[in-house]
Protein backbone atom coordinates (compact mmCIF):
# COMPACT_ATOMS: atom_id res chain seq x y z
CA UNK A 1 0.30 -0.05 -0.22
CA UNK A 2 2.79 2.32 1.06
CA UNK A 3 4.29 1.70 -2.51
CA UNK A 4 1.06 2.79 -4.06
CA UNK A 5 0.90 5.97 -2.34
CA UNK A 6 4.77 6.70 -3.23
CA UNK A 7 3.82 5.95 -7.38
CA UNK A 8 1.05 8.26 -6.81
CA UNK A 9 3.14 11.12 -5.40
CA UNK A 10 5.53 10.65 -8.03
CA UNK A 11 3.28 10.80 -10.77
CA UNK A 12 1.72 14.03 -9.39
CA UNK A 13 4.90 15.62 -9.01
CA UNK A 14 6.27 14.73 -12.29
CA UNK A 15 2.71 16.12 -13.94
CA UNK A 16 3.45 19.73 -12.20
CA UNK A 17 7.07 19.31 -13.29
CA UNK A 18 6.25 18.83 -16.94
CA UNK A 19 2.42 20.12 -17.50
CA UNK A 20 -0.21 18.22 -18.72
CA UNK A 21 0.11 16.52 -22.04
CA UNK A 22 3.67 15.37 -21.00
CA UNK A 23 2.66 14.28 -17.69
CA UNK A 24 -0.35 11.69 -19.49
CA UNK A 25 2.33 10.78 -22.18
CA UNK A 26 4.20 9.44 -19.28
CA UNK A 27 2.03 7.70 -17.50
CA UNK A 28 0.15 6.03 -20.41
CA UNK A 29 3.84 4.36 -21.19
CA UNK A 30 4.15 3.70 -17.64
CA UNK A 31 0.80 1.88 -17.79
CA UNK A 32 1.67 0.03 -20.99
CA UNK A 33 4.93 -1.33 -19.43
CA UNK A 34 3.10 -2.45 -16.32
CA UNK A 35 0.59 -4.31 -18.62
CA UNK A 36 3.48 -5.56 -20.31
CA UNK A 37 4.70 -7.26 -17.34
CA UNK A 38 1.96 -8.90 -17.00
CA UNK A 39 2.45 -11.07 -20.19
CA UNK A 40 6.03 -11.18 -19.42
CA UNK A 41 6.03 -13.42 -16.43
CA UNK A 42 7.02 -16.75 -18.22
CA UNK A 43 10.52 -16.96 -20.24
CA UNK A 44 10.72 -18.56 -23.76
CA UNK A 45 10.49 -22.30 -23.70
CA UNK A 46 13.01 -24.92 -24.53
CA UNK A 47 12.06 -28.21 -26.23
CA UNK A 48 14.18 -30.89 -26.04
CA UNK A 49 14.52 -32.92 -29.86
CA UNK A 50 11.23 -31.37 -31.06
CA UNK A 51 11.30 -30.70 -34.42
CA UNK A 52 8.89 -30.65 -37.52
CA UNK A 53 9.48 -31.07 -41.11
CA UNK A 54 7.35 -29.30 -43.73
CA UNK A 55 6.22 -31.37 -46.51
CA UNK A 56 4.65 -30.02 -49.80
CA UNK A 57 1.42 -32.40 -50.25
CA UNK A 58 1.37 -31.66 -54.51
CA UNK A 59 -2.07 -30.67 -56.45
CA UNK A 60 -4.80 -32.49 -54.90
CA UNK A 61 -4.50 -30.05 -51.60
CA UNK A 62 -4.57 -26.60 -53.75
CA UNK A 63 -7.44 -24.40 -52.83
CA UNK A 64 -8.31 -21.49 -50.43
CA UNK A 65 -8.89 -23.24 -47.17
CA UNK A 66 -10.84 -21.52 -44.37
CA UNK A 67 -11.29 -24.70 -41.89
CA UNK A 68 -9.53 -28.15 -41.52
CA UNK A 69 -10.64 -30.89 -39.35
CA UNK A 70 -9.92 -34.81 -38.47
CA UNK A 71 -13.17 -36.14 -38.86
CA UNK A 72 -14.83 -38.93 -36.89
CA UNK A 73 -13.31 -41.42 -39.16
CA UNK A 74 -9.81 -40.46 -39.50
CA UNK A 75 -9.61 -38.56 -42.82
CA UNK A 76 -8.89 -35.08 -43.20
CA UNK A 77 -11.86 -32.60 -44.20
CA UNK A 78 -11.26 -29.13 -45.58
CA UNK A 79 -13.76 -26.19 -45.71
CA UNK A 80 -13.22 -23.87 -49.13
CA UNK A 81 -13.82 -20.50 -49.24
CA UNK A 82 -16.22 -21.03 -51.88
CA UNK A 83 -18.79 -23.03 -49.92
CA UNK A 84 -17.35 -26.46 -50.56
CA UNK A 85 -15.95 -29.37 -48.40
CA UNK A 86 -13.40 -31.85 -49.52
CA UNK A 87 -12.44 -35.16 -47.94
CA UNK A 88 -8.98 -36.51 -47.84
CA UNK A 89 -7.72 -40.16 -46.73
CA UNK A 90 -4.55 -39.64 -44.87
CA UNK A 91 -1.90 -42.39 -45.92
CA UNK A 92 0.13 -43.99 -43.50
CA UNK A 93 3.44 -40.96 -43.87
CA UNK A 94 0.91 -38.36 -43.16
CA UNK A 95 0.34 -37.46 -46.89
CA UNK A 96 -3.20 -37.03 -48.23
CA UNK A 97 -5.40 -38.49 -51.23
CA UNK A 98 -8.27 -36.33 -52.31
CA UNK A 99 -11.23 -38.69 -51.93
CA UNK A 100 -14.49 -36.94 -52.25
CA UNK A 101 -16.16 -32.97 -53.01
CA UNK A 102 -18.88 -32.03 -51.60
CA UNK A 103 -20.60 -29.01 -52.99
CA UNK A 104 -22.89 -28.05 -50.08
CA UNK A 105 -25.17 -24.88 -52.16
CA UNK A 106 -24.56 -26.76 -55.85
CA UNK A 107 -23.43 -24.62 -58.16
CA UNK A 108 -23.57 -21.75 -55.90
CA UNK A 109 -20.76 -20.14 -53.93
CA UNK A 110 -21.17 -19.03 -50.12
CA UNK A 111 -18.64 -17.81 -48.10
CA UNK A 112 -17.89 -20.61 -45.99
CA UNK A 113 -15.92 -20.36 -43.02
CA UNK A 114 -16.65 -22.37 -39.65
CA UNK A 115 -16.63 -26.54 -40.16
CA UNK A 116 -16.97 -28.69 -36.93
CA UNK A 117 -18.60 -32.30 -36.72
CA UNK A 118 -21.10 -33.14 -34.14
CA UNK A 119 -20.23 -34.83 -30.94
CA UNK A 120 -22.68 -37.93 -32.24
CA UNK A 121 -21.30 -37.91 -36.07
CA UNK A 122 -19.40 -41.45 -36.97
CA UNK A 123 -18.44 -42.56 -40.17
CA UNK A 124 -21.64 -44.09 -41.16
CA UNK A 125 -23.45 -40.85 -40.12
CA UNK A 126 -21.63 -37.63 -40.91
CA UNK A 127 -23.07 -34.93 -39.18
CA UNK A 128 -21.38 -31.80 -39.48
CA UNK A 129 -22.18 -27.76 -38.42
CA UNK A 130 -20.98 -25.44 -40.77
CA UNK A 131 -20.74 -21.24 -40.83
CA UNK A 132 -20.73 -19.04 -43.80
CA UNK A 133 -21.96 -15.78 -45.40
CA UNK A 134 -24.76 -16.13 -48.09
CA UNK A 135 -23.21 -13.10 -49.84
CA UNK A 136 -20.02 -15.03 -51.60
CA UNK A 137 -18.29 -11.76 -51.31
CA UNK A 138 -15.47 -10.70 -49.06
CA UNK A 139 -15.74 -7.01 -49.64
CA UNK A 140 -18.72 -4.96 -49.63
CA UNK A 141 -20.73 -7.72 -47.81
CA UNK A 142 -24.79 -7.19 -47.55
CA UNK A 143 -25.33 -6.85 -43.44
CA UNK A 144 -27.40 -9.91 -41.69
CA UNK A 145 -25.59 -11.81 -44.02
CA UNK A 146 -24.28 -14.80 -41.12
CA UNK A 147 -25.88 -18.27 -41.03
CA UNK A 148 -24.79 -21.30 -39.47
CA UNK A 149 -26.37 -24.71 -40.74
CA UNK A 150 -26.31 -28.70 -39.96
CA UNK A 151 -25.10 -31.03 -42.63
CA UNK A 152 -24.70 -34.69 -43.63
CA UNK A 153 -22.43 -35.93 -45.90
CA UNK A 154 -21.80 -39.44 -47.44
CA UNK A 155 -18.73 -41.23 -46.63
CA UNK A 156 -19.12 -43.09 -49.49
CA UNK A 157 -19.95 -40.55 -52.33
CA UNK A 158 -20.07 -36.73 -53.02
CA UNK A 159 -23.56 -36.53 -51.92
CA UNK A 160 -24.73 -33.99 -49.31
CA UNK A 161 -27.71 -35.88 -47.60
CA UNK A 162 -28.72 -32.82 -45.96
CA UNK A 163 -27.96 -29.04 -45.56
CA UNK A 164 -30.51 -27.87 -43.17
CA UNK A 165 -30.61 -23.82 -42.53
CA UNK A 166 -30.49 -23.53 -38.56
CA UNK A 167 -29.70 -19.57 -37.91
CA UNK A 168 -30.17 -17.39 -40.72
CA UNK A 169 -29.59 -13.34 -40.08
CA UNK A 170 -26.82 -13.43 -38.00
CA UNK A 171 -24.89 -9.69 -38.48
CA UNK A 172 -21.95 -9.26 -40.39
CA UNK A 173 -19.16 -6.28 -41.21
CA UNK A 174 -19.10 -4.64 -44.71
CA UNK A 175 -15.88 -6.69 -44.52
CA UNK A 176 -13.88 -9.42 -43.09
CA UNK A 177 -15.50 -9.64 -39.90
CA UNK A 178 -17.99 -12.80 -40.38
CA UNK A 179 -19.83 -15.33 -38.58
CA UNK A 180 -16.56 -17.38 -37.88
CA UNK A 181 -15.41 -20.58 -36.54
CA UNK A 182 -17.18 -23.12 -34.33
CA UNK A 183 -16.74 -25.85 -31.54
CA UNK A 184 -18.89 -27.77 -29.00
CA UNK A 185 -18.48 -27.03 -25.43
CA UNK A 186 -18.89 -30.24 -23.09
CA UNK A 187 -22.53 -29.24 -22.25
CA UNK A 188 -23.60 -29.87 -26.02
CA UNK A 189 -23.82 -26.50 -27.11
CA UNK A 190 -22.25 -24.71 -30.00
CA UNK A 191 -19.87 -21.68 -29.51
CA UNK A 192 -19.62 -19.59 -32.29
CA UNK A 193 -17.16 -16.49 -32.91
CA UNK A 194 -19.67 -13.68 -34.37
CA UNK A 195 -17.27 -11.08 -35.67
CA UNK A 196 -17.84 -7.37 -35.24
CA UNK A 197 -19.54 -4.87 -37.05
CA UNK A 198 -17.07 -2.06 -36.65
CA UNK A 199 -12.97 -1.79 -35.93
CA UNK A 200 -13.38 0.03 -32.61
CA UNK A 201 -17.02 0.36 -31.93
CA UNK A 202 -18.85 3.01 -33.91
CA UNK A 203 -19.32 3.26 -37.94
CA UNK A 204 -15.67 3.46 -39.36
CA UNK A 205 -14.05 6.01 -41.75
CA UNK A 206 -13.30 3.19 -44.66
CA UNK A 207 -16.30 3.38 -47.26
CA UNK A 208 -17.19 -0.29 -46.62
CA UNK A 209 -17.69 0.35 -43.08
CA UNK A 210 -19.21 3.67 -43.21
CA UNK A 211 -22.70 3.29 -41.53
CA UNK A 212 -22.64 -0.16 -40.23
CA UNK A 213 -23.38 0.20 -36.67
CA UNK A 214 -22.80 -2.85 -34.19
CA UNK A 215 -25.39 -5.40 -33.74
CA UNK A 216 -26.51 -7.13 -30.44
CA UNK A 217 -25.48 -9.91 -31.48
CA UNK A 218 -21.70 -8.58 -32.74
CA UNK A 219 -18.44 -9.10 -31.49
CA UNK A 220 -19.34 -12.08 -29.16
CA UNK A 221 -18.93 -15.37 -28.35
CA UNK A 222 -22.75 -17.04 -29.48
CA UNK A 223 -23.62 -20.20 -27.39
CA UNK A 224 -26.22 -22.45 -29.26
CA UNK A 225 -28.43 -25.02 -27.29
CA UNK A 226 -29.04 -27.46 -29.74
CA UNK A 227 -31.95 -29.14 -27.50
CA UNK A 228 -34.05 -25.58 -27.98
CA UNK A 229 -34.18 -25.61 -31.37
CA UNK A 230 -38.06 -25.54 -32.55
CA UNK A 231 -39.57 -27.55 -34.84
CA UNK A 232 -39.86 -25.01 -37.34
CA UNK A 233 -36.17 -23.45 -38.46
CA UNK A 234 -34.26 -21.63 -39.56
CA UNK A 235 -34.42 -19.21 -36.68
CA UNK A 236 -34.35 -15.51 -37.52
CA UNK A 237 -31.85 -14.21 -35.19
CA UNK A 238 -32.31 -10.73 -36.63
CA UNK A 239 -32.74 -8.27 -33.04
CA UNK A 240 -34.33 -5.10 -32.53
CA UNK A 241 -32.08 -3.15 -33.80
CA UNK A 242 -32.16 -4.25 -37.20
CA UNK A 243 -35.16 -4.32 -37.42
CA UNK A 244 -36.26 -7.84 -35.89
CA UNK A 245 -37.47 -9.93 -33.07
CA UNK A 246 -35.07 -12.23 -31.89
CA UNK A 247 -34.43 -11.83 -28.21
CA UNK A 248 -31.29 -13.69 -26.93
CA UNK A 249 -32.47 -12.80 -23.35
CA UNK A 250 -35.77 -14.45 -23.49
CA UNK A 251 -36.21 -17.59 -21.39
CA UNK A 252 -35.28 -20.54 -22.89
CA UNK A 253 -33.99 -18.70 -25.68
CA UNK A 254 -31.84 -21.35 -28.04
CA UNK A 255 -29.16 -19.02 -29.16
CA UNK A 256 -27.87 -16.53 -26.13
CA UNK A 257 -24.66 -14.15 -25.80
CA UNK A 258 -22.18 -16.11 -24.32
CA UNK A 259 -19.64 -13.94 -23.64
CA UNK A 260 -18.46 -10.08 -25.19
CA UNK A 261 -16.02 -7.45 -26.80
CA UNK A 262 -14.55 -10.42 -28.85
CA UNK A 263 -13.80 -7.89 -32.17
CA UNK A 264 -12.95 -10.75 -34.12
CA UNK A 265 -12.34 -14.04 -33.09
CA UNK A 266 -11.41 -16.29 -36.72
CA UNK A 267 -11.27 -19.45 -33.94
CA UNK A 268 -12.05 -20.80 -30.64
CA UNK A 269 -11.46 -23.98 -29.19
CA UNK A 270 -12.71 -25.57 -25.82
CA UNK A 271 -9.24 -27.38 -24.18
CA UNK A 272 -9.28 -30.46 -22.37
CA UNK A 273 -8.86 -28.43 -18.96
CA UNK A 274 -12.30 -27.14 -19.27
CA UNK A 275 -11.40 -23.47 -20.37
CA UNK A 276 -12.56 -22.03 -23.95
CA UNK A 277 -9.67 -20.18 -25.80
CA UNK A 278 -10.02 -17.66 -28.34
CA UNK A 279 -8.03 -15.48 -30.68
CA UNK A 280 -8.21 -11.84 -30.46
CA UNK A 281 -7.47 -9.60 -33.34
CA UNK A 282 -7.24 -6.21 -32.30
CA UNK A 283 -8.30 -2.57 -34.47
CA UNK A 284 -6.46 -0.84 -37.01
CA UNK A 285 -5.04 3.06 -36.06
CA UNK A 286 -7.79 5.81 -36.55
CA UNK A 287 -11.11 4.64 -35.80
CA UNK A 288 -13.68 5.70 -33.86
CA UNK A 289 -14.83 4.55 -30.28
CA UNK A 290 -18.45 5.46 -28.78
CA UNK A 291 -19.56 7.33 -25.88
CA UNK A 292 -21.05 6.89 -22.93
CA UNK A 293 -22.53 10.63 -22.99
CA UNK A 294 -26.11 10.80 -23.61
CA UNK A 295 -26.26 14.40 -24.85
CA UNK A 296 -23.55 13.28 -26.89
CA UNK A 297 -24.86 13.27 -31.02
CA UNK A 298 -22.71 9.98 -31.45
CA UNK A 299 -24.78 8.29 -28.52
CA UNK A 300 -26.40 5.16 -28.84
CA UNK A 301 -28.72 3.90 -26.07
CA UNK A 302 -28.36 0.63 -25.12
CA UNK A 303 -30.81 -2.44 -25.24
CA UNK A 304 -33.50 -2.37 -22.82
CA UNK A 305 -31.62 -5.88 -21.33
CA UNK A 306 -28.79 -3.42 -19.91
CA UNK A 307 -28.95 -1.02 -17.00
CA UNK A 308 -25.88 0.75 -17.64
CA UNK A 309 -24.80 2.83 -14.00
CA UNK A 310 -21.38 3.44 -15.06
CA UNK A 311 -19.16 6.75 -16.30
CA UNK A 312 -21.19 9.10 -18.29
CA UNK A 313 -17.94 10.92 -19.68
CA UNK A 314 -16.55 8.67 -21.31
CA UNK A 315 -15.66 10.09 -24.73
CA UNK A 316 -16.15 9.17 -28.55
CA UNK A 317 -12.53 9.26 -30.13
CA UNK A 318 -12.38 10.06 -33.46
CA UNK A 319 -9.36 8.20 -35.15
CA UNK A 320 -8.10 6.42 -32.36
CA UNK A 321 -4.16 5.90 -31.85
CA UNK A 322 -2.52 3.65 -31.95
CA UNK A 323 -2.94 0.10 -33.75
CA UNK A 324 -4.30 -2.06 -30.67
CA UNK A 325 -2.58 -5.19 -30.16
CA UNK A 326 -3.86 -9.08 -30.66
CA UNK A 327 -4.73 -11.17 -27.73
CA UNK A 328 -5.38 -14.66 -26.50
CA UNK A 329 -8.44 -14.64 -24.10
CA UNK A 330 -9.64 -17.58 -21.69
CA UNK A 331 -13.17 -16.62 -22.15
CA UNK A 332 -15.25 -16.53 -18.77
CA UNK A 333 -19.43 -16.72 -19.41
CA UNK A 334 -20.47 -12.77 -19.11
CA UNK A 335 -17.14 -11.30 -19.15
CA UNK A 336 -15.93 -8.20 -21.22
CA UNK A 337 -13.13 -8.45 -23.77
CA UNK A 338 -12.73 -4.95 -24.76
CA UNK A 339 -14.29 -4.61 -28.16
CA UNK A 340 -16.75 -1.72 -27.50
CA UNK A 341 -20.62 -2.00 -28.35
CA UNK A 342 -22.96 0.27 -27.11
CA UNK A 343 -25.99 -1.71 -27.57
CA UNK A 344 -24.49 -3.62 -24.84
CA UNK A 345 -23.29 -0.24 -22.60
CA UNK A 346 -20.25 -1.29 -23.49
CA UNK A 347 -18.09 2.17 -24.01
CA UNK A 348 -14.12 1.40 -23.31
CA UNK A 349 -11.73 0.33 -25.99
CA UNK A 350 -9.34 -2.53 -24.24
CA UNK A 351 -7.59 -1.05 -20.87
CA UNK A 352 -8.78 2.39 -21.45
CA UNK A 353 -6.54 5.19 -21.27
CA UNK A 354 -3.54 2.58 -21.10
CA UNK A 355 -4.20 1.53 -24.51
CA UNK A 356 -4.87 5.02 -26.31
CA UNK A 357 -2.76 7.22 -26.83
CA UNK A 358 -5.80 10.45 -27.29
CA UNK A 359 -5.71 13.37 -24.67
CA UNK A 360 -9.68 12.50 -24.74
CA UNK A 361 -8.94 8.91 -23.04
CA UNK A 362 -6.58 10.20 -20.35
CA UNK A 363 -7.98 8.71 -17.18
CA UNK A 364 -10.40 6.56 -18.88
CA UNK A 365 -10.17 3.24 -16.81
CA UNK A 366 -11.25 -0.19 -18.14
CA UNK A 367 -14.89 -1.20 -18.21
CA UNK A 368 -15.75 -2.68 -14.91
CA UNK A 369 -16.77 -6.06 -16.51
CA UNK A 370 -13.33 -5.89 -18.40
CA UNK A 371 -11.60 -9.70 -17.89
CA UNK A 372 -8.12 -9.97 -19.02
CA UNK A 373 -5.90 -11.26 -21.33
CA UNK A 374 -3.90 -14.09 -20.78
CA UNK A 375 -1.81 -13.63 -23.82
CA UNK A 376 -0.50 -10.55 -25.98
CA UNK A 377 0.51 -11.26 -29.20
CA UNK A 378 1.71 -7.75 -29.98
CA UNK A 379 0.28 -5.83 -33.30
CA UNK A 380 -0.78 -7.31 -36.68
CA UNK A 381 0.34 -11.00 -35.57
CA UNK A 382 -2.85 -11.73 -36.67
CA UNK A 383 -3.36 -14.61 -34.45
CA UNK A 384 -6.03 -17.24 -36.47
CA UNK A 385 -6.24 -20.45 -36.37
CA UNK A 386 -6.21 -22.27 -32.41
CA UNK A 387 -6.11 -26.29 -31.71
CA UNK A 388 -4.83 -28.29 -28.35
CA UNK A 389 -2.46 -30.67 -29.65
CA UNK A 390 -2.94 -33.99 -28.29
CA UNK A 391 -0.50 -36.19 -29.31
CA UNK A 392 1.99 -37.99 -27.09
CA UNK A 393 4.64 -37.42 -29.35
CA UNK A 394 7.89 -36.16 -28.05
CA UNK A 395 7.57 -37.62 -24.65
CA UNK A 396 4.33 -35.22 -24.09
CA UNK A 397 6.13 -32.11 -24.59
CA UNK A 398 3.35 -30.42 -26.69
CA UNK A 399 0.30 -32.21 -25.30
CA UNK A 400 -2.13 -30.02 -23.99
CA UNK A 401 -0.29 -27.00 -25.99
CA UNK A 402 -2.52 -24.50 -27.73
CA UNK A 403 -1.22 -24.27 -31.57
CA UNK A 404 -1.67 -20.92 -32.93
CA UNK A 405 -1.42 -19.54 -36.33
CA UNK A 406 0.10 -15.91 -37.04
CA UNK A 407 -0.98 -14.81 -40.36
CA UNK A 408 1.18 -12.32 -40.60
CA UNK A 409 4.15 -11.13 -43.00
CA UNK A 410 5.85 -10.28 -39.69
CA UNK A 411 5.87 -13.67 -38.35
CA UNK A 412 3.94 -16.49 -40.93
CA UNK A 413 4.44 -19.18 -38.50
CA UNK A 414 3.03 -21.19 -36.03
CA UNK A 415 3.25 -20.36 -32.35
CA UNK A 416 2.77 -22.80 -29.05
CA UNK A 417 1.38 -21.67 -25.75
CA UNK A 418 1.18 -23.90 -23.04
CA UNK A 419 -2.17 -23.07 -20.27
CA UNK A 420 -2.46 -24.14 -16.90
CA UNK A 421 -5.67 -25.63 -15.16
CA UNK A 422 -6.62 -22.15 -14.76
CA UNK A 423 -6.44 -21.22 -18.16
CA UNK A 424 -3.02 -18.81 -17.57
CA UNK A 425 -0.08 -19.38 -19.94
CA UNK A 426 2.75 -20.87 -18.28
CA UNK A 427 5.04 -21.17 -21.09
CA UNK A 428 5.39 -20.13 -24.83
CA UNK A 429 7.52 -21.79 -27.48
CA UNK A 430 8.36 -20.09 -30.60
CA UNK A 431 7.49 -22.30 -33.74
CA UNK A 432 10.06 -20.71 -36.14
CA UNK A 433 12.43 -22.73 -33.79
CA UNK A 434 10.97 -26.09 -34.53
CA UNK A 435 10.22 -26.18 -38.02
CA UNK A 436 6.68 -23.99 -38.02
CA UNK A 437 7.89 -21.05 -39.90
CA UNK A 438 8.05 -19.87 -43.31
CA UNK A 439 4.22 -19.67 -44.55
CA UNK A 440 2.35 -18.25 -46.57
CA UNK A 441 -0.48 -16.38 -44.60
CA UNK A 442 -1.16 -19.72 -42.58
CA UNK A 443 -5.01 -19.32 -41.53
CA UNK A 444 -6.31 -22.53 -39.74
CA UNK A 445 -5.10 -25.76 -38.90
CA UNK A 446 -5.62 -29.25 -37.26
CA UNK A 447 -3.38 -32.05 -35.96
CA UNK A 448 -3.51 -35.70 -36.00
CA UNK A 449 -3.96 -37.04 -32.40
CA UNK A 450 -2.12 -40.13 -33.06
CA UNK A 451 0.90 -39.40 -35.27
CA UNK A 452 1.10 -35.66 -34.11
CA UNK A 453 1.16 -34.43 -37.72
CA UNK A 454 -0.17 -30.78 -38.36
CA UNK A 455 -1.79 -29.76 -40.89
CA UNK A 456 -2.07 -25.95 -41.80
CA UNK A 457 -4.07 -24.16 -44.67
CA UNK A 458 -1.97 -21.62 -45.94
CA UNK A 459 -4.32 -18.94 -47.52
CA UNK A 460 -1.67 -16.87 -49.33
CA UNK A 461 -0.30 -19.93 -50.65
CA UNK A 462 -3.55 -21.30 -51.59
CA UNK A 463 -2.67 -25.18 -50.41
CA UNK A 464 -2.99 -27.38 -47.20
CA UNK A 465 0.67 -28.25 -46.00
CA UNK A 466 1.96 -30.88 -43.85
CA UNK A 467 4.47 -30.50 -40.81
CA UNK A 468 5.30 -33.71 -40.10
CA UNK A 469 6.79 -34.63 -36.65
CA UNK A 470 11.27 -35.58 -36.76
CA UNK A 471 13.20 -36.89 -34.63
CA UNK A 472 15.92 -38.44 -36.74
CA UNK A 473 17.14 -36.08 -38.35
CA UNK A 474 19.72 -32.50 -37.69
CA UNK A 475 17.14 -29.60 -37.07
CA UNK A 476 19.84 -27.02 -38.90
CA UNK A 477 19.68 -29.55 -42.13
CA UNK A 478 15.75 -29.35 -42.32
CA UNK A 479 15.93 -26.00 -41.76
CA UNK A 480 17.69 -25.32 -44.35
CA UNK A 481 15.63 -27.35 -46.59
CA UNK A 482 12.48 -25.87 -45.61
CA UNK A 483 13.67 -22.24 -45.99
CA UNK A 484 15.02 -23.45 -49.43
CA UNK A 485 11.98 -24.94 -50.35
CA UNK A 486 9.63 -21.85 -49.78
CA UNK A 487 12.26 -19.53 -52.03
CA UNK A 488 11.36 -22.01 -54.45
CA UNK A 489 7.91 -22.54 -54.47
CA UNK A 490 6.62 -18.82 -54.16
CA UNK A 491 8.33 -17.08 -57.61
CA UNK A 492 7.45 -13.59 -57.18
CA UNK A 493 6.75 -12.49 -60.79
CA UNK A 494 5.03 -9.29 -60.86
CA UNK A 495 3.32 -6.19 -59.05
CA UNK A 496 0.21 -7.85 -59.09
CA UNK A 497 1.43 -11.03 -57.69
CA UNK A 498 3.18 -9.17 -55.20
CA UNK A 499 0.30 -7.07 -54.42
CA UNK A 500 -2.48 -10.00 -54.13
CA UNK A 501 0.00 -12.54 -51.57
CA UNK A 502 0.50 -9.79 -49.25
CA UNK A 503 -1.59 -6.69 -49.13
CA UNK A 504 -4.93 -7.68 -50.84
CA UNK A 505 -6.05 -9.07 -47.38
CA UNK A 506 -5.99 -5.74 -45.79
CA UNK A 507 -6.32 -3.64 -48.80
CA UNK A 508 -8.89 -5.39 -50.74
CA UNK A 509 -8.50 -7.04 -54.43
CA UNK A 510 -9.18 -3.35 -55.86
CA UNK A 511 -7.01 -1.76 -53.54
CA UNK A 512 -10.34 0.13 -52.10
CA UNK A 513 -9.34 -1.03 -48.77
CA UNK A 514 -10.97 -3.40 -45.85
CA UNK A 515 -9.21 -3.60 -43.08
CA UNK A 516 -6.31 -1.32 -44.58
CA UNK A 517 -6.92 2.43 -45.84
CA UNK A 518 -8.56 3.18 -49.13
CA UNK A 519 -5.29 2.87 -51.96
CA UNK A 520 -7.58 4.34 -55.07
CA UNK A 521 -8.57 7.85 -53.48
CA UNK A 522 -6.73 11.44 -52.62
CA UNK A 523 -6.64 10.72 -49.34
CA UNK A 524 -3.29 9.44 -48.27
CA UNK A 525 -2.45 9.38 -44.90
CA UNK A 526 1.77 9.57 -45.19
CA UNK A 527 1.70 11.32 -48.64
CA UNK A 528 1.04 9.83 -52.45
CA UNK A 529 4.28 10.51 -54.03
CA UNK A 530 6.57 7.47 -56.00
CA UNK A 531 8.84 8.31 -52.68
CA UNK A 532 6.15 8.13 -49.99
CA UNK A 533 5.05 5.14 -51.26
CA UNK A 534 7.90 3.28 -51.39
CA UNK A 535 8.72 4.47 -48.20
CA UNK A 536 5.74 3.41 -46.52
CA UNK A 537 5.99 0.17 -47.98
CA UNK A 538 9.51 -0.36 -46.89
CA UNK A 539 9.29 0.88 -43.52
CA UNK A 540 6.14 0.84 -42.30
CA UNK A 541 4.05 3.55 -40.45
CA UNK A 542 5.16 5.07 -37.56
CA UNK A 543 2.45 3.99 -35.18
CA UNK A 544 2.32 0.38 -36.48
CA UNK A 545 -0.51 -0.05 -38.17
CA UNK A 546 1.16 -0.60 -41.86
CA UNK A 547 3.80 -3.65 -41.23
CA UNK A 548 7.39 -3.13 -42.67
CA UNK A 549 8.08 -4.98 -45.61
CA UNK A 550 11.67 -3.78 -45.99
CA UNK A 551 12.87 -7.07 -44.22
CA UNK A 552 10.53 -9.52 -46.34
CA UNK A 553 10.52 -8.30 -49.98
CA UNK A 554 13.70 -7.04 -52.13
CA UNK A 555 14.27 -3.66 -53.38
CA UNK A 556 12.84 -4.95 -57.10
CA UNK A 557 9.81 -6.45 -55.52
CA UNK A 558 9.10 -3.41 -53.78
CA UNK A 559 9.34 -1.27 -56.47
CA UNK A 560 7.25 -3.56 -58.55
CA UNK A 561 4.46 -3.79 -56.14
CA UNK A 562 4.67 0.28 -55.91
CA UNK A 563 4.17 0.56 -59.77
CA UNK A 564 1.02 -1.72 -59.11
CA UNK A 565 -0.37 0.27 -56.71
CA UNK A 566 -0.34 3.58 -58.50
CA UNK A 567 -1.82 1.78 -61.35
CA UNK A 568 -5.22 1.77 -59.33
């Protein structure tokens, strides 16, 4: 207690000496150092004789896969982003042989994301659940476009016996925040990761996000109880804010809100230790937070279910700085994880003052229901796919660990985190050190619980890649082979290809902006001369919203992609 008072007096004296502006800057810096210390309580772990060999699986596995899973029959199933599921026979050496392709929607395309087999499924009764957006377009998507369906497929042919729509009119953003992945809890419920509609809680500057507010069900982990499904399906989940009448708070409601403030969790997993883990992706810089001030023109009234008793001076910050970090959450029922939603009376972004540089946020404390994260990935890690490693290989060193993809040019790898029974992370392992690196935008993954093989959906390379445990070869030799393989398999021929592999995911196929800004208008944040563009590509932005590509692309490649961007 004495140290606390001494720190408060020291900060006060510092403020008198430096003035208000510098005082808050230093206070924010100290607050961030304290937060960083929370996640730095464990050193990087070391693994003994653990290594994986990267194996190219050939033409059969080419495609853009959004989800991978091992079925109850021991086969690998991959959901493709255009609405198909492919089944693969897993050979003794771990390689894959294409067996069946299920066109779930006939000749139509849908934006398919989540795939999870029902706990009751077996080889003769392949029941699975899927999430998708009805519109196949990733950009400029319509609102209320999310869907949940239950399918039954034939294990002997390409037949889809049943595709039953369960939930319709789930919210979606105008871009890539969708109805994402799903997992089953031990309670038999389907847990759904529902993306947010905005970047920081209020309508954003980007044209594809503008004027789309948060929904009652957006930016949350939702729970569906199949035992409460009505006879008549599907359930229209459009809530009152969209002109619908679905009420998740009604007694015996089949779809309810489990946890909130989950901005855009691509994947989630119920661990065998009873904890629900979810990857959270933070917002880029320069967006808008909501206000709790009823007198503000930007104020949005909460849903009647929420009785707000907190402070009414939480401001709306326009062009909030800096970019927010990506986190791992051990998700608890009823808790808030930092993405504001005024309809749920949630106004404070993440840790408040400690995470926002803008002076308006000085002194703003986290929401009283805010639940702390268990791991900080830093900025732009884009942590996505997450599974529990269940194999006993390597003397069980990885058993029970969380295996997580980082879809980012900064990483393009897998990170391994070891949780305890409470859900805290007690150790971490860098996947690059054990052969789990040198990928091209790894999105999702699954593991074979018997062999320990890891299968990764490389979004950028548009294929499935196998990482096979190796214990009988030199780590250095294998690492060198892996690095050379990557260079050979990723030829860069022109600016168009460089842009599609590295830039499209943020700035859109036509450069009009998604999670990254528009490249086709006159509003260039860092200047639009050729020199400016070269500099921002090579060095990134000062606030970290744009990663530096100078260590990833060579000078010629940077020049080519600059010329392609100018052509917009």
